[in-house]
Amino acid sequence: MKDKENKKEFLFESQNYKILGVGLAVIALGFLLMSGGGSQDPKIFNESVFNFQRIRLAPTLVLVGFGITVYSILKKTK
């Protein structure tokens, strides 16, 4: 009986941790897509700073990743 009382349980099931990992990977991908595009010379402006990837796609991926992580935390196990 003491063995059952001392047994520690995880907060989430393995499926929740897998979904959480996917969400964190999507967030990391979004931040990687946002990086770069700078110019070596501060007097020269680089237009690639304002391309679709950095302005629309990357922030959307970060927000989707946060949504996935919230879903993984709130998902009930059956």
Protein backbone atom coordinates (compact mmCIF):
# COMPACT_ATOMS: atom_id res chain seq x y z
CA MET A 1 0.00 0.00 0.00
CA LYS A 2 2.87 2.39 0.69
CA ASP A 3 4.27 1.71 -2.78
CA LYS A 4 1.13 3.05 -4.39
CA GLU A 5 1.14 6.15 -2.21
CA ASN A 6 4.78 6.95 -3.00
CA LYS A 7 4.39 6.46 -6.74
CA LYS A 8 4.71 9.81 -8.49
CA GLU A 9 2.53 10.55 -11.45
CA PHE A 10 3.21 12.90 -14.33
CA LEU A 11 1.10 16.00 -14.64
CA PHE A 12 0.13 15.19 -18.26
CA GLU A 13 -0.14 12.10 -20.41
CA SER A 14 2.44 11.33 -23.08
CA GLN A 15 0.15 12.63 -25.83
CA ASN A 16 0.04 16.04 -24.13
CA TYR A 17 3.83 16.17 -24.04
CA LYS A 18 4.03 15.25 -27.73
CA ILE A 19 1.60 18.02 -28.65
CA LEU A 20 3.56 20.43 -26.43
CA GLY A 21 6.77 19.48 -28.25
CA VAL A 22 5.15 20.15 -31.61
CA GLY A 23 3.96 23.53 -30.38
CA LEU A 24 7.42 24.48 -29.14
CA ALA A 25 8.95 23.37 -32.45
CA VAL A 26 6.49 25.55 -34.39
CA ILE A 27 7.36 28.53 -32.16
CA ALA A 28 11.08 27.93 -32.71
CA LEU A 29 10.53 27.68 -36.48
CA GLY A 30 8.66 30.99 -36.42
CA PHE A 31 11.50 32.73 -34.60
CA LEU A 32 14.06 31.23 -36.98
CA LEU A 33 12.10 32.55 -39.96
CA MET A 34 12.02 36.01 -38.37
CA SER A 35 15.78 36.19 -37.92
CA GLY A 36 18.31 37.52 -40.38
CA GLY A 37 17.90 40.03 -43.15
CA GLY A 38 20.16 42.65 -41.67
CA SER A 39 22.75 44.61 -43.57
CA GLN A 40 26.45 44.60 -42.77
CA ASP A 41 26.68 48.31 -43.57
CA PRO A 42 24.31 50.48 -41.49
CA LYS A 43 24.14 53.05 -44.30
CA ILE A 44 22.60 50.54 -46.71
CA PHE A 45 18.95 49.56 -46.20
CA ASN A 46 18.05 45.96 -46.91
CA GLU A 47 14.53 45.54 -48.35
CA SER A 48 14.36 41.86 -47.34
CA VAL A 49 13.48 42.96 -43.81
CA PHE A 50 9.92 43.61 -44.98
CA ASN A 51 9.30 40.45 -47.02
CA PHE A 52 6.30 38.14 -46.57
CA GLN A 53 8.27 35.58 -44.58
CA ARG A 54 9.28 37.97 -41.82
CA ILE A 55 6.17 40.13 -41.67
CA ARG A 56 3.32 37.63 -42.11
CA LEU A 57 4.44 33.99 -42.05
CA ALA A 58 6.81 33.95 -39.07
CA PRO A 59 4.56 35.82 -36.60
CA THR A 60 1.62 33.66 -37.67
CA LEU A 61 3.66 30.52 -36.97
CA VAL A 62 4.61 31.83 -33.54
CA LEU A 63 0.97 32.54 -32.68
CA VAL A 64 -0.13 29.13 -33.98
CA GLY A 65 2.63 27.54 -31.90
CA PHE A 66 1.39 29.31 -28.78
CA GLY A 67 -2.13 28.11 -29.57
CA ILE A 68 -0.89 24.53 -29.89
CA THR A 69 0.91 24.72 -26.55
CA VAL A 70 -2.18 26.12 -24.81
CA TYR A 71 -4.23 23.31 -26.36
CA SER A 72 -1.74 20.72 -25.10
CA ILE A 73 -2.01 22.10 -21.57
CA LEU A 74 -5.81 22.27 -21.54
CA LYS A 75 -6.44 18.93 -23.29
CA LYS A 76 -8.09 16.45 -20.96
CA THR A 77 -7.07 12.81 -21.04
CA LYS A 78 -9.70 10.12 -21.31
